[in-house]
Amino acid sequence: MNHRSSQHRDDLRAIARRAMIDRGLLPDFSAVALAEVRGILTPATDQDPSVRNLRDLLWASIDNDDSRDLDQLSVAEPLPGGGVKILVAVADVDASVRPGSAIDAHAQQNTTSVYTVAEIFPMLPEQLSTDLTSLGEGADRLSLVIEMVIGQDGGLAGSDVYRAMVQNHAKLAYKSVAAWLDSKGPAPERLKAVPGLEEQLRVQDRVAQILRTVRHQHGALGLETIEVQAVFDGDRLADLQPDEPNRAKALIEDFMIAANGVVARFLAAKGVPSLRRVVRAPERWQRVVALGTQWGEKLPPEPDARALDAFLSRRKQADPIRFPDLSLTVIKLLGAGEYVVDLPGDTAPGHFGLAVQDYSHSTAPNRRFPDLITQRLLKAVMVGRAIPYRTEELETLARHCTEQEDQVKKVERQVRKSAAALLLESRIGQRFDGIVTGASGKGTWVRIVQPPVEGKLVRGFEGLDVGDRVQVELTHTDVERGFIDFVRALGS
């Protein structure tokens, strides 16, 4: 085994660190921040009588198999008349991370955890994010609870936000829960070990599906792109596999979307500024219309989320193999999300892709700084304190969080490309089946089937267009820059 094959993780970690530094991100915590962490010995507590004791409810978390930075729990309570009360508990990170601290300064600089294939660079030190501020199994933790009463029709019949002490009774994983919900696998052991929890998740899944149906009726876009996960054998990169959507992920996503809407409206009702997550109606809508025309579809001349979602649904049914590439094209045309400040009396632009008007980021304060900002606004309102940020500060933070999120995505994408080049560097000269994912004056791009990675077609691209199937030969890789070059195979 050569040095390169035995040191894949170290190589990719070094690439990630250089990319972060180049883009103004901090891969390491300062000595002052680490000293602050050492001074935080126990989870935060609060004797305020307004903090409810909800530890006995059947709270559970569902996340990735290896996730330890658990931000939220959920529980359901069926109500007379067919409605269901859904509670989402969000870790009270603010109770341990004080504004103006060195820990807070690091979080504010990066604004989010950076998830690369080789290493996670957490927004908060791991002693906090994976322990003292994480909603880990069996631990009593302070939280902010978002309460939602969902009617039989999926409408929001009531809501509230308050503080509570909670306990996670089962740490569950997406894949095993999804397999169980789909009757493709047994109930996970932790699920079976907690009496009543199986029925709990059945109720939550039912409500989540109703919420999802209502959102799509309003025009929420059913987009699916191919995301990959690195598979390591020790420190050697063994494979890149698709990270498939599943029913358990959808359950959590639907609850988080609903909870973030409740938080946004709660702050608006209190008459205080808030940080909103928005995706504006696309300025490049005519390009979306032209995209539909390629498949014989006539989209309205003005942005229309319902019409776009109907088009996407038809294309997914007609051509599921190429649908992820169509989804990626649509995402690029819609434009990136951004953070904006919503002032009392104003109307935020809303989130075009989710088809919701009121939307914050509030459910992942261990991982995203905007969520921590929102948490501080909520807690100030609850106890009648002045909010801890001036409007000008919030506007500056909104721009900064948007800019840094873009830099983080570029780092994560760069390391994924380097991992793909690393995985393929020993396969120069091999042929692969692929599909054209991009064709313009900037170049022609091909995604091969296995492993599901993309590279540039540097020769033989004449006459090819997006969606064409082609056989290609790998001619060159550059791990540091994440370059993969193909030529069109003879006879294809």
Protein backbone atom coordinates (compact mmCIF):
# COMPACT_ATOMS: atom_id res chain seq x y z
CA MET A 1 0.00 0.00 0.00
CA ASN A 2 1.50 3.34 -1.04
CA HIS A 3 1.57 6.48 1.08
CA ARG A 4 -1.26 8.10 -0.84
CA SER A 5 -3.68 5.16 -0.42
CA SER A 6 -2.96 4.87 3.30
CA GLN A 7 -3.31 8.60 4.00
CA HIS A 8 -6.49 9.53 2.11
CA ARG A 9 -8.20 11.05 5.13
CA ASP A 10 -5.14 13.12 6.07
CA ASP A 11 -4.76 14.35 2.49
CA LEU A 12 -8.41 15.41 2.27
CA ARG A 13 -8.29 16.97 5.74
CA ALA A 14 -5.30 19.07 4.69
CA ILE A 15 -7.12 20.17 1.53
CA ALA A 16 -10.15 21.13 3.63
CA ARG A 17 -8.10 23.17 6.07
CA ARG A 18 -6.34 25.09 3.27
CA ALA A 19 -9.66 25.75 1.54
CA MET A 20 -11.20 27.08 4.76
CA ILE A 21 -8.31 29.42 5.46
CA ASP A 22 -8.35 30.66 1.85
CA ARG A 23 -12.04 31.55 2.24
CA GLY A 24 -11.82 33.33 5.57
CA LEU A 25 -13.00 30.44 7.74
CA LEU A 26 -11.39 29.26 10.97
CA PRO A 27 -10.53 25.54 11.11
CA ASP A 28 -9.31 25.77 14.72
CA PHE A 29 -10.57 27.35 17.93
CA SER A 30 -8.44 30.00 19.59
CA ALA A 31 -6.62 29.30 22.85
CA VAL A 32 -8.99 31.71 24.59
CA ALA A 33 -12.05 29.85 23.29
CA LEU A 34 -10.63 26.51 24.40
CA ALA A 35 -9.91 27.96 27.85
CA GLU A 36 -13.53 29.12 28.06
CA VAL A 37 -14.70 25.62 27.19
CA ARG A 38 -12.60 24.10 29.95
CA GLY A 39 -14.41 26.38 32.37
CA ILE A 40 -17.83 25.01 31.39
CA LEU A 41 -18.03 21.85 33.46
CA THR A 42 -21.73 20.99 33.46
CA PRO A 43 -24.84 21.47 31.30
CA ALA A 44 -26.71 24.71 31.89
CA THR A 45 -29.58 24.75 34.37
CA ASP A 46 -32.23 27.34 35.21
CA GLN A 47 -34.43 27.48 38.30
CA ASP A 48 -36.84 29.97 36.74
CA PRO A 49 -40.35 28.65 37.51
CA SER A 50 -41.42 29.40 33.93
CA VAL A 51 -39.15 26.57 32.72
CA ARG A 52 -41.49 23.59 32.38
CA ASN A 53 -40.54 20.05 33.33
CA LEU A 54 -41.29 17.89 30.27
CA ARG A 55 -38.68 15.20 30.84
CA ASP A 56 -41.22 12.39 31.07
CA LEU A 57 -42.62 12.90 27.57
CA LEU A 58 -41.47 10.34 25.00
CA TRP A 59 -38.90 12.59 23.38
CA ALA A 60 -36.59 11.00 20.78
CA SER A 61 -34.05 12.21 18.26
CA ILE A 62 -33.63 11.04 14.67
CA ASP A 63 -30.37 11.98 12.96
CA ASN A 64 -27.45 10.46 11.09
CA ASP A 65 -26.00 7.26 12.55
CA ASP A 66 -22.85 8.99 13.78
CA SER A 67 -24.31 12.39 14.75
CA ARG A 68 -23.64 13.51 18.30
CA ASP A 69 -24.47 17.23 17.94
CA LEU A 70 -28.19 16.69 18.50
CA ASP A 71 -30.15 19.92 18.17
CA GLN A 72 -33.77 18.80 18.37
CA LEU A 73 -36.18 16.21 19.73
CA SER A 74 -39.82 15.65 18.87
CA VAL A 75 -42.92 14.13 20.45
CA ALA A 76 -46.59 13.88 19.47
CA GLU A 77 -49.79 14.02 21.52
CA PRO A 78 -53.05 13.00 19.75
CA LEU A 79 -55.94 15.29 20.69
CA PRO A 80 -59.70 14.81 20.82
CA GLY A 81 -61.27 15.49 17.45
CA GLY A 82 -58.40 14.09 15.40
CA GLY A 83 -55.82 16.83 15.77
CA VAL A 84 -52.29 16.23 17.02
CA LYS A 85 -50.05 18.38 19.19
CA ILE A 86 -46.46 18.24 17.91
CA LEU A 87 -43.68 19.43 20.20
CA VAL A 88 -40.18 20.16 18.92
CA ALA A 89 -37.53 20.74 21.58
CA VAL A 90 -34.46 22.72 20.48
CA ALA A 91 -31.25 22.67 22.52
CA ASP A 92 -30.79 25.85 24.60
CA VAL A 93 -27.28 26.60 23.35
CA ASP A 94 -27.47 30.24 24.41
CA ALA A 95 -27.53 29.12 28.05
CA SER A 96 -23.90 28.00 27.68
CA VAL A 97 -22.57 30.25 24.89
CA ARG A 98 -22.64 33.86 25.96
CA PRO A 99 -22.63 36.77 23.50
CA GLY A 100 -19.22 38.39 23.31
CA SER A 101 -17.32 35.29 24.43
CA ALA A 102 -14.45 33.86 22.40
CA ILE A 103 -16.58 30.78 21.69
CA ASP A 104 -19.31 33.05 20.36
CA ALA A 105 -16.79 34.99 18.27
CA HIS A 106 -15.62 31.79 16.56
CA ALA A 107 -19.21 30.76 15.86
CA GLN A 108 -20.00 34.21 14.50
CA GLN A 109 -16.98 34.13 12.19
CA ASN A 110 -17.73 30.76 10.58
CA THR A 111 -21.53 30.98 11.09
CA THR A 112 -21.99 27.23 10.55
CA SER A 113 -20.31 23.87 11.02
CA VAL A 114 -18.33 22.79 7.96
CA TYR A 115 -19.07 19.23 6.86
CA THR A 116 -16.30 17.86 4.65
CA VAL A 117 -15.85 14.23 3.61
CA ALA A 118 -12.70 13.91 5.75
CA GLU A 119 -13.59 15.87 8.87
CA ILE A 120 -16.31 17.95 10.46
CA PHE A 121 -15.18 21.39 11.59
CA PRO A 122 -17.82 22.22 14.22
CA MET A 123 -19.12 25.72 14.78
CA LEU A 124 -18.88 25.13 18.53
CA PRO A 125 -16.24 23.14 20.43
CA GLU A 126 -17.16 19.46 20.61
CA GLN A 127 -17.30 19.47 24.43
CA LEU A 128 -20.35 21.70 23.96
CA SER A 129 -21.93 20.68 20.66
CA THR A 130 -21.65 16.91 21.17
CA ASP A 131 -22.09 16.88 24.95
CA LEU A 132 -23.07 19.78 27.19
CA THR A 133 -25.39 21.54 24.69
CA SER A 134 -26.41 18.40 22.77
CA LEU A 135 -29.74 16.70 23.45
CA GLY A 136 -27.99 13.38 23.99
CA GLU A 137 -29.80 10.26 25.06
CA GLY A 138 -30.57 10.00 28.76
CA ALA A 139 -29.43 13.54 29.60
CA ASP A 140 -31.58 16.28 31.14
CA ARG A 141 -31.22 19.43 29.05
CA LEU A 142 -32.66 22.92 28.85
CA SER A 143 -34.53 23.56 25.63
CA LEU A 144 -36.86 25.87 23.79
CA VAL A 145 -40.04 24.01 22.87
CA ILE A 146 -42.01 24.88 19.76
CA GLU A 147 -45.57 23.66 20.17
CA MET A 148 -47.83 23.16 17.14
CA VAL A 149 -51.41 21.91 17.06
CA ILE A 150 -51.98 20.34 13.65
CA GLY A 151 -55.56 19.79 12.50
CA GLN A 152 -56.74 16.78 10.51
CA ASP A 153 -56.46 18.86 7.34
CA GLY A 154 -52.82 19.74 8.06
CA GLY A 155 -53.60 23.30 9.07
CA LEU A 156 -51.98 24.97 12.07
CA ALA A 157 -54.71 25.29 14.70
CA GLY A 158 -52.51 26.79 17.41
CA SER A 159 -48.90 27.31 18.44
CA ASP A 160 -46.66 28.50 21.26
CA VAL A 161 -42.98 28.77 22.18
CA TYR A 162 -41.67 28.25 25.72
CA ARG A 163 -38.73 26.94 27.73
CA ALA A 164 -38.60 23.44 29.19
CA MET A 165 -36.35 20.79 30.63
CA VAL A 166 -36.41 17.68 28.43
CA GLN A 167 -34.77 14.28 28.16
CA ASN A 168 -34.00 12.27 25.03
CA HIS A 169 -35.31 8.74 25.61
CA ALA A 170 -33.96 7.24 22.37
CA LYS A 171 -31.23 8.28 19.94
CA LEU A 172 -32.45 6.95 16.59
CA ALA A 173 -30.94 6.95 13.10
CA TYR A 174 -32.53 7.93 9.78
CA LYS A 175 -31.80 4.76 7.84
CA SER A 176 -33.07 2.22 10.34
CA VAL A 177 -36.18 4.27 11.21
CA ALA A 178 -36.96 4.78 7.51
CA ALA A 179 -36.61 1.05 6.81
CA TRP A 180 -38.98 0.28 9.69
CA LEU A 181 -41.54 2.90 8.60
CA ASP A 182 -41.44 1.48 5.07
CA SER A 183 -41.81 -2.11 6.37
CA LYS A 184 -38.43 -2.97 4.90
CA GLY A 185 -36.66 -3.65 8.18
CA PRO A 186 -37.27 -4.40 11.85
CA ALA A 187 -37.88 -1.78 14.49
CA PRO A 188 -34.53 -0.42 15.74
CA GLU A 189 -33.53 -1.83 19.12
CA ARG A 190 -33.65 1.58 20.83
CA LEU A 191 -37.15 2.11 19.46
CA LYS A 192 -38.38 -1.22 20.82
CA ALA A 193 -36.73 -0.60 24.18
CA VAL A 194 -38.95 2.41 25.02
CA PRO A 195 -42.60 1.46 25.64
CA GLY A 196 -44.98 3.49 23.52
CA LEU A 197 -42.31 4.96 21.25
CA GLU A 198 -43.23 2.89 18.19
CA GLU A 199 -46.77 4.27 18.22
CA GLN A 200 -45.28 7.74 18.84
CA LEU A 201 -43.27 7.61 15.63
CA ARG A 202 -46.23 6.24 13.67
CA VAL A 203 -48.25 9.29 14.74
CA GLN A 204 -45.38 11.67 13.93
CA ASP A 205 -44.90 10.08 10.51
CA ARG A 206 -48.61 10.42 9.73
CA VAL A 207 -48.66 14.10 10.68
CA ALA A 208 -45.44 14.78 8.74
CA GLN A 209 -46.96 13.29 5.59
CA ILE A 210 -50.03 15.49 5.97
CA LEU A 211 -47.84 18.58 6.44
CA ARG A 212 -45.83 17.65 3.35
CA THR A 213 -48.97 17.19 1.26
CA VAL A 214 -50.27 20.61 2.27
CA ARG A 215 -46.94 22.27 1.47
CA HIS A 216 -46.89 20.75 -2.01
CA GLN A 217 -50.47 21.89 -2.57
CA HIS A 218 -49.15 25.40 -1.93
CA GLY A 219 -46.27 24.91 -4.38
CA ALA A 220 -43.35 23.53 -2.35
CA LEU A 221 -40.85 22.19 -4.87
CA GLY A 222 -40.09 18.49 -4.96
CA LEU A 223 -36.41 18.70 -5.86
CA GLU A 224 -33.92 15.84 -5.58
CA THR A 225 -30.19 16.16 -6.15
CA ILE A 226 -27.46 13.56 -5.79
CA GLU A 227 -25.46 14.04 -2.61
CA VAL A 228 -22.63 11.63 -1.85
CA GLN A 229 -21.20 10.22 1.35
CA ALA A 230 -17.61 9.10 1.69
CA VAL A 231 -17.00 5.52 2.79
CA PHE A 232 -13.64 4.96 4.47
CA ASP A 233 -11.82 1.73 5.19
CA GLY A 234 -9.72 2.94 8.07
CA ASP A 235 -8.14 6.10 6.62
CA ARG A 236 -8.43 4.90 3.01
CA LEU A 237 -11.24 6.31 0.87
CA ALA A 238 -13.06 3.20 -0.36
CA ASP A 239 -16.14 4.62 -2.10
CA LEU A 240 -18.51 7.51 -2.62
CA GLN A 241 -22.14 6.47 -2.26
CA PRO A 242 -25.37 8.40 -2.85
CA ASP A 243 -26.97 9.80 0.29
CA GLU A 244 -30.55 8.85 -0.50
CA PRO A 245 -33.61 10.73 0.78
CA ASN A 246 -35.86 8.66 3.01
CA ARG A 247 -39.05 8.78 5.03
CA ALA A 248 -37.37 9.50 8.37
CA LYS A 249 -35.41 12.43 6.95
CA ALA A 250 -38.63 13.76 5.46
CA LEU A 251 -40.37 13.49 8.84
CA ILE A 252 -37.75 15.64 10.54
CA GLU A 253 -37.60 18.07 7.62
CA ASP A 254 -41.36 18.60 7.67
CA PHE A 255 -41.41 19.24 11.42
CA MET A 256 -38.48 21.65 11.20
CA ILE A 257 -40.09 23.64 8.38
CA ALA A 258 -43.30 23.94 10.40
CA ALA A 259 -41.42 24.85 13.60
CA ASN A 260 -39.36 27.52 11.83
CA GLY A 261 -42.55 29.08 10.54
CA VAL A 262 -44.01 29.19 14.05
CA VAL A 263 -40.88 30.90 15.40
CA ALA A 264 -40.91 33.54 12.66
CA ARG A 265 -44.56 34.39 13.34
CA PHE A 266 -44.03 34.32 17.12
CA LEU A 267 -41.34 37.01 16.91
CA ALA A 268 -43.39 39.06 14.45
CA ALA A 269 -46.37 38.96 16.82
CA LYS A 270 -44.13 40.27 19.61
CA GLY A 271 -43.16 43.25 17.46
CA VAL A 272 -39.41 42.61 17.39
CA PRO A 273 -37.01 42.27 14.45
CA SER A 274 -36.14 38.75 13.37
CA LEU A 275 -33.71 36.99 11.09
CA ARG A 276 -35.52 35.31 8.20
CA ARG A 277 -34.30 32.70 5.73
CA VAL A 278 -35.60 33.60 2.27
CA VAL A 279 -35.43 32.39 -1.30
CA ARG A 280 -36.81 35.13 -3.49
CA ALA A 281 -39.04 34.60 -6.51
CA PRO A 282 -36.52 33.79 -9.25
CA GLU A 283 -35.31 36.68 -11.38
CA ARG A 284 -34.29 34.14 -14.05
CA TRP A 285 -37.81 32.74 -14.36
CA GLN A 286 -37.75 33.04 -18.15
CA ARG A 287 -34.85 30.57 -18.16
CA VAL A 288 -37.05 28.23 -16.11
CA VAL A 289 -39.83 28.70 -18.67
CA ALA A 290 -37.38 27.89 -21.48
CA LEU A 291 -36.28 24.79 -19.57
CA GLY A 292 -39.88 23.59 -19.47
CA THR A 293 -40.29 24.23 -23.17
CA GLN A 294 -37.51 21.71 -23.87
CA TRP A 295 -39.85 19.01 -22.58
CA GLY A 296 -42.99 20.38 -24.22
CA GLU A 297 -44.20 22.07 -21.02
CA LYS A 298 -45.74 25.54 -20.92
CA LEU A 299 -45.00 27.36 -17.68
CA PRO A 300 -46.65 30.71 -16.79
CA PRO A 301 -44.81 33.92 -17.77
CA GLU A 302 -44.52 34.97 -14.10
CA PRO A 303 -42.98 32.95 -11.23
CA ASP A 304 -45.44 30.28 -10.12
CA ALA A 305 -44.31 27.70 -7.58
CA ARG A 306 -47.35 25.45 -8.02
CA ALA A 307 -46.87 25.24 -11.78
CA LEU A 308 -43.15 24.57 -11.39
CA ASP A 309 -43.75 21.80 -8.85
CA ALA A 310 -46.33 20.16 -11.13
CA PHE A 311 -43.79 20.23 -13.99
CA LEU A 312 -41.12 18.72 -11.75
CA SER A 313 -43.47 15.97 -10.61
CA ARG A 314 -44.25 15.01 -14.21
CA ARG A 315 -40.57 14.98 -15.17
CA LYS A 316 -39.66 12.83 -12.18
CA GLN A 317 -42.26 10.27 -13.14
CA ALA A 318 -41.24 10.33 -16.80
CA ASP A 319 -37.46 10.21 -16.35
CA PRO A 320 -36.34 9.46 -12.76
CA ILE A 321 -32.71 8.79 -13.78
CA ARG A 322 -32.19 12.29 -15.15
CA PHE A 323 -34.41 14.04 -12.58
CA PRO A 324 -31.54 14.87 -10.15
CA ASP A 325 -29.77 16.75 -12.95
CA LEU A 326 -32.96 18.65 -13.82
CA SER A 327 -33.37 19.46 -10.11
CA LEU A 328 -29.84 20.84 -9.92
CA THR A 329 -30.46 23.04 -12.97
CA VAL A 330 -33.65 24.41 -11.41
CA ILE A 331 -31.88 25.08 -8.10
CA LYS A 332 -29.22 27.10 -9.90
CA LEU A 333 -31.88 29.12 -11.73
CA LEU A 334 -33.81 29.81 -8.53
CA GLY A 335 -30.77 31.35 -6.89
CA ALA A 336 -29.28 30.93 -3.45
CA GLY A 337 -31.07 31.41 -0.16
CA GLU A 338 -30.13 34.35 2.02
CA TYR A 339 -30.70 35.79 5.46
CA VAL A 340 -32.60 39.05 5.80
CA VAL A 341 -33.91 41.09 8.72
CA ASP A 342 -37.68 41.28 9.05
CA LEU A 343 -38.70 44.47 10.85
CA PRO A 344 -42.04 45.04 12.59
CA GLY A 345 -44.58 46.06 9.99
CA ASP A 346 -42.52 44.77 7.07
CA THR A 347 -43.26 41.73 4.93
CA ALA A 348 -40.31 39.41 4.31
CA PRO A 349 -39.95 38.00 0.77
CA GLY A 350 -40.71 34.41 1.89
CA HIS A 351 -39.18 31.14 0.76
CA PHE A 352 -40.12 30.36 -2.86
CA GLY A 353 -38.81 26.77 -2.80
CA LEU A 354 -40.71 25.82 0.37
CA ALA A 355 -43.79 27.85 -0.58
CA VAL A 356 -43.93 29.52 2.85
CA GLN A 357 -44.11 33.21 3.67
CA ASP A 358 -42.74 33.14 7.22
CA TYR A 359 -39.56 31.17 7.74
CA SER A 360 -36.66 31.46 10.15
CA HIS A 361 -33.70 29.23 10.97
CA SER A 362 -34.11 28.29 14.63
CA THR A 363 -33.84 24.51 15.05
CA ALA A 364 -30.07 23.88 14.78
CA PRO A 365 -28.25 26.25 17.18
CA ASN A 366 -25.34 23.82 17.70
CA ARG A 367 -24.59 23.95 13.98
CA ARG A 368 -25.77 27.35 12.64
CA PHE A 369 -25.19 30.81 14.05
CA PRO A 370 -28.43 32.32 12.66
CA ASP A 371 -30.31 29.78 14.80
CA LEU A 372 -28.39 30.92 17.88
CA ILE A 373 -29.23 34.55 17.07
CA THR A 374 -32.92 33.61 16.78
CA GLN A 375 -32.75 31.71 20.06
CA ARG A 376 -31.42 34.80 21.83
CA LEU A 377 -34.24 36.90 20.39
CA LEU A 378 -36.82 34.36 21.55
CA LYS A 379 -35.44 34.14 25.09
CA ALA A 380 -35.29 37.93 25.44
CA VAL A 381 -38.94 38.22 24.42
CA MET A 382 -40.00 35.44 26.80
CA VAL A 383 -38.55 37.11 29.89
CA GLY A 384 -39.31 40.68 28.86
CA ARG A 385 -35.69 41.76 28.30
CA ALA A 386 -34.54 44.11 25.58
CA ILE A 387 -33.44 42.12 22.54
CA PRO A 388 -29.64 41.65 22.48
CA TYR A 389 -29.05 42.99 18.94
CA ARG A 390 -29.66 46.40 17.41
CA THR A 391 -31.31 46.43 13.99
CA GLU A 392 -28.05 47.53 12.36
CA GLU A 393 -26.23 44.62 14.00
CA LEU A 394 -28.83 42.15 12.76
CA GLU A 395 -28.56 43.49 9.23
CA THR A 396 -24.76 43.18 9.32
CA LEU A 397 -25.03 39.65 10.73
CA ALA A 398 -27.58 38.67 8.08
CA ARG A 399 -25.21 39.70 5.28
CA HIS A 400 -22.25 38.03 7.00
CA CYS A 401 -24.12 34.75 7.54
CA THR A 402 -25.21 34.70 3.90
CA GLU A 403 -21.67 35.36 2.67
CA GLN A 404 -20.05 32.81 4.98
CA GLU A 405 -22.61 30.15 4.13
CA ASP A 406 -21.62 30.58 0.49
CA GLN A 407 -17.95 30.18 1.38
CA VAL A 408 -18.69 27.06 3.43
CA LYS A 409 -20.58 25.49 0.54
CA LYS A 410 -17.63 26.16 -1.74
CA VAL A 411 -15.26 24.49 0.71
CA GLU A 412 -17.49 21.46 1.08
CA ARG A 413 -17.91 21.20 -2.69
CA GLN A 414 -14.17 21.55 -3.29
CA VAL A 415 -13.35 18.74 -0.86
CA ARG A 416 -16.01 16.50 -2.41
CA LYS A 417 -14.43 17.06 -5.80
CA SER A 418 -10.99 16.28 -4.39
CA ALA A 419 -12.37 13.07 -2.86
CA ALA A 420 -13.86 12.08 -6.22
CA ALA A 421 -10.53 12.74 -7.97
CA LEU A 422 -8.74 10.75 -5.27
CA LEU A 423 -11.11 7.82 -5.68
CA LEU A 424 -10.62 7.76 -9.45
CA GLU A 425 -6.91 8.54 -9.76
CA SER A 426 -5.98 4.85 -10.01
CA ARG A 427 -8.54 4.24 -12.78
CA ILE A 428 -7.04 6.32 -15.60
CA GLY A 429 -7.94 4.73 -18.93
CA GLN A 430 -11.13 3.04 -17.71
CA ARG A 431 -14.49 3.60 -19.37
CA PHE A 432 -17.67 4.69 -17.63
CA ASP A 433 -21.32 5.16 -18.57
CA GLY A 434 -22.42 8.72 -17.96
CA ILE A 435 -24.97 11.44 -18.59
CA VAL A 436 -24.32 15.00 -19.74
CA THR A 437 -25.16 17.39 -16.90
CA GLY A 438 -23.96 20.66 -18.39
CA ALA A 439 -23.23 21.97 -21.88
CA SER A 440 -22.30 25.60 -22.46
CA GLY A 441 -19.48 27.81 -23.61
CA LYS A 442 -17.78 27.13 -20.28
CA GLY A 443 -17.53 23.42 -21.02
CA THR A 444 -19.38 20.14 -21.10
CA TRP A 445 -19.84 18.14 -17.90
CA VAL A 446 -20.62 14.48 -17.43
CA ARG A 447 -21.81 12.60 -14.33
CA ILE A 448 -20.79 8.96 -14.36
CA VAL A 449 -23.02 6.33 -12.81
CA GLN A 450 -20.61 4.54 -10.49
CA PRO A 451 -19.21 6.21 -8.52
CA PRO A 452 -21.72 9.08 -8.92
CA VAL A 453 -19.23 11.88 -9.58
CA GLU A 454 -18.95 14.61 -12.18
CA GLY A 455 -16.07 15.55 -14.44
CA LYS A 456 -15.32 17.68 -17.48
CA LEU A 457 -15.53 16.26 -20.99
CA VAL A 458 -12.43 17.74 -22.59
CA ARG A 459 -12.70 16.01 -25.97
CA GLY A 460 -15.57 14.65 -28.04
CA PHE A 461 -18.25 16.92 -26.64
CA GLU A 462 -19.44 18.24 -30.02
CA GLY A 463 -23.18 17.79 -30.53
CA LEU A 464 -23.88 16.71 -26.96
CA ASP A 465 -26.54 18.34 -24.81
CA VAL A 466 -27.81 18.07 -21.25
CA GLY A 467 -29.43 14.71 -20.64
CA ASP A 468 -27.56 12.81 -23.38
CA ARG A 469 -26.14 9.44 -22.38
CA VAL A 470 -22.53 8.88 -23.29
CA GLN A 471 -19.63 6.54 -22.58
CA VAL A 472 -16.47 8.29 -21.48
CA GLU A 473 -12.86 7.43 -20.74
CA LEU A 474 -11.02 8.86 -17.74
CA THR A 475 -7.84 10.63 -18.82
CA HIS A 476 -6.70 12.83 -15.91
CA THR A 477 -7.29 13.69 -12.25
CA ASP A 478 -5.91 16.44 -10.02
CA VAL A 479 -6.69 15.73 -6.38
CA GLU A 480 -5.58 19.09 -4.99
CA ARG A 481 -7.82 21.06 -7.36
CA GLY A 482 -10.55 18.43 -7.61
CA PHE A 483 -10.28 18.12 -11.39
CA ILE A 484 -11.56 15.06 -13.28
CA ASP A 485 -11.16 14.96 -17.06
CA PHE A 486 -12.93 12.62 -19.47
CA VAL A 487 -12.89 12.13 -23.24
CA ARG A 488 -15.71 10.63 -25.21
CA ALA A 489 -15.02 6.94 -25.72
CA LEU A 490 -14.66 5.76 -29.30
CA GLY A 491 -17.84 4.25 -30.64
CA SER A 492 -20.14 5.92 -28.10
